Each structure stands twice: as C-alpha cells, then as structure tokens.
Amino acid sequence: MDAMKDAQKKVIETAIKTAEDNAGTMAPAPLKMLFPCCGGPMGTLKKFECVIPADKKDDFNKAYESVQGQKEKLKNM
C-alpha cells in the first residue's frame, strides 16, 4: 500500500515539476527573478497574467488548474 502511494506521489511531483518548468519558459526574463517570491513560475505567472501571450493563455490556465489540483492531492496523501 505504501509503495503504491509513494509511486503515485512521485508521478504527481514529476507532473508538477514539468508544468512549472514549462511555465518558466513562458515567462519573460525580468519576471523570472520574482519566482522565489511569488511561489514559483506558476504562481508568478498567475499574478502577472498580462505577460502571457494571448495564444498561450488557455494552455496556461489549464496547466495552472491542473497543478493546483495535483498540489491538493499531495496535501491529502
């Protein structure tokens, strides 16, 4: 049972890391220095949504909601 939880936890953490890395590439260079202050790339871009290109806003919003859901699952494990 614990091995299964550990495996699931690892998969969720990997998915979160991948989404954060993808969001980090979307951010303009000056905004990257705010990542530690605003909760990483996803949190920073959520606060400064105006810098996300219009054609990537839908993708970002889906990824953000997905990451938030996965973080919630990790809390409940």
C-alpha atoms as a PDB file:
ATOM      1  CA  MET A   1       0.000   0.000   0.000  1.00  0.00           C
ATOM      2  CA  ASP A   2       2.776   2.450   0.900  1.00  0.00           C
ATOM      3  CA  ALA A   3       4.719   1.592  -2.239  1.00  0.00           C
ATOM      4  CA  MET A   4       1.682   2.475  -4.327  1.00  0.00           C
ATOM      5  CA  LYS A   5       1.243   5.799  -2.520  1.00  0.00           C
ATOM      6  CA  ASP A   6       4.934   6.565  -2.965  1.00  0.00           C
ATOM      7  CA  ALA A   7       4.735   5.792  -6.675  1.00  0.00           C
ATOM      8  CA  GLN A   8       1.641   7.953  -7.086  1.00  0.00           C
ATOM      9  CA  LYS A   9       3.301  10.757  -5.127  1.00  0.00           C
ATOM     10  CA  LYS A  10       6.359  10.557  -7.386  1.00  0.00           C
ATOM     11  CA  VAL A  11       4.191  10.771 -10.530  1.00  0.00           C
ATOM     12  CA  ILE A  12       2.311  13.811  -9.188  1.00  0.00           C
ATOM     13  CA  GLU A  13       5.545  15.563  -8.189  1.00  0.00           C
ATOM     14  CA  THR A  14       7.002  14.909 -11.640  1.00  0.00           C
ATOM     15  CA  ALA A  15       3.900  16.314 -13.340  1.00  0.00           C
ATOM     16  CA  ILE A  16       4.041  19.437 -11.172  1.00  0.00           C
ATOM     17  CA  LYS A  17       7.746  19.906 -11.904  1.00  0.00           C
ATOM     18  CA  THR A  18       7.167  19.528 -15.647  1.00  0.00           C
ATOM     19  CA  ALA A  19       4.330  22.076 -15.630  1.00  0.00           C
ATOM     20  CA  GLU A  20       6.412  24.527 -13.590  1.00  0.00           C
ATOM     21  CA  ASP A  21       9.344  24.130 -15.992  1.00  0.00           C
ATOM     22  CA  ASN A  22       7.081  24.761 -18.994  1.00  0.00           C
ATOM     23  CA  ALA A  23       5.628  27.842 -17.321  1.00  0.00           C
ATOM     24  CA  GLY A  24       9.141  29.052 -16.572  1.00  0.00           C
ATOM     25  CA  THR A  25       9.988  29.066 -20.265  1.00  0.00           C
ATOM     26  CA  MET A  26       6.920  31.226 -20.993  1.00  0.00           C
ATOM     27  CA  ALA A  27       7.972  33.969 -18.584  1.00  0.00           C
ATOM     28  CA  PRO A  28       9.975  36.948 -19.761  1.00  0.00           C
ATOM     29  CA  ALA A  29      13.493  37.160 -18.294  1.00  0.00           C
ATOM     30  CA  PRO A  30      12.874  40.095 -15.901  1.00  0.00           C
ATOM     31  CA  LEU A  31       9.910  38.266 -14.368  1.00  0.00           C
ATOM     32  CA  LYS A  32      11.981  35.164 -13.593  1.00  0.00           C
ATOM     33  CA  MET A  33      13.668  36.896 -10.681  1.00  0.00           C
ATOM     34  CA  LEU A  34      10.276  37.002  -8.921  1.00  0.00           C
ATOM     35  CA  PHE A  35       9.780  33.214  -8.973  1.00  0.00           C
ATOM     36  CA  PRO A  36      11.082  32.673  -5.415  1.00  0.00           C
ATOM     37  CA  CYS A  37       8.903  35.493  -4.062  1.00  0.00           C
ATOM     38  CA  CYS A  38       5.642  34.536  -5.746  1.00  0.00           C
ATOM     39  CA  GLY A  39       5.512  30.757  -5.395  1.00  0.00           C
ATOM     40  CA  GLY A  40       7.473  29.581  -8.406  1.00  0.00           C
ATOM     41  CA  PRO A  41       6.792  30.006 -12.107  1.00  0.00           C
ATOM     42  CA  MET A  42       3.096  29.101 -11.948  1.00  0.00           C
ATOM     43  CA  GLY A  43       2.323  31.424  -9.045  1.00  0.00           C
ATOM     44  CA  THR A  44       4.285  34.274 -10.578  1.00  0.00           C
ATOM     45  CA  LEU A  45       2.650  33.954 -13.986  1.00  0.00           C
ATOM     46  CA  LYS A  46      -0.781  33.730 -12.368  1.00  0.00           C
ATOM     47  CA  LYS A  47      -0.116  37.030 -10.594  1.00  0.00           C
ATOM     48  CA  PHE A  48       1.246  38.614 -13.802  1.00  0.00           C
ATOM     49  CA  GLU A  49      -1.097  37.042 -16.358  1.00  0.00           C
ATOM     50  CA  CYS A  50      -0.781  40.092 -18.585  1.00  0.00           C
ATOM     51  CA  VAL A  51       2.674  38.905 -19.748  1.00  0.00           C
ATOM     52  CA  ILE A  52       1.374  35.589 -21.075  1.00  0.00           C
ATOM     53  CA  PRO A  53       0.913  35.692 -24.858  1.00  0.00           C
ATOM     54  CA  ALA A  54      -2.746  35.599 -25.892  1.00  0.00           C
ATOM     55  CA  ASP A  55      -2.335  32.345 -27.805  1.00  0.00           C
ATOM     56  CA  LYS A  56      -0.944  30.590 -24.708  1.00  0.00           C
ATOM     57  CA  LYS A  57      -3.381  31.875 -22.062  1.00  0.00           C
ATOM     58  CA  ASP A  58      -5.775  28.935 -22.391  1.00  0.00           C
ATOM     59  CA  ASP A  59      -2.919  26.440 -22.135  1.00  0.00           C
ATOM     60  CA  PHE A  60      -1.538  28.231 -19.096  1.00  0.00           C
ATOM     61  CA  ASN A  61      -4.906  28.368 -17.336  1.00  0.00           C
ATOM     62  CA  LYS A  62      -5.460  24.634 -17.893  1.00  0.00           C
ATOM     63  CA  ALA A  63      -1.952  23.852 -16.631  1.00  0.00           C
ATOM     64  CA  TYR A  64      -2.415  26.119 -13.606  1.00  0.00           C
ATOM     65  CA  GLU A  65      -5.686  24.460 -12.604  1.00  0.00           C
ATOM     66  CA  SER A  66      -4.125  21.044 -13.102  1.00  0.00           C
ATOM     67  CA  VAL A  67      -1.145  21.913 -10.905  1.00  0.00           C
ATOM     68  CA  GLN A  68      -3.400  23.313  -8.197  1.00  0.00           C
ATOM     69  CA  GLY A  69      -5.449  20.091  -8.229  1.00  0.00           C
ATOM     70  CA  GLN A  70      -2.322  17.965  -8.043  1.00  0.00           C
ATOM     71  CA  LYS A  71      -0.933  20.019  -5.162  1.00  0.00           C
ATOM     72  CA  GLU A  72      -4.214  19.490  -3.340  1.00  0.00           C
ATOM     73  CA  LYS A  73      -3.918  15.717  -3.886  1.00  0.00           C
ATOM     74  CA  LEU A  74      -0.408  15.798  -2.415  1.00  0.00           C
ATOM     75  CA  LYS A  75      -1.692  17.607   0.673  1.00  0.00           C
ATOM     76  CA  ASN A  76      -4.364  14.961   1.196  1.00  0.00           C
ATOM     77  CA  MET A  77      -1.999  12.000   0.891  1.00  0.00           C
END
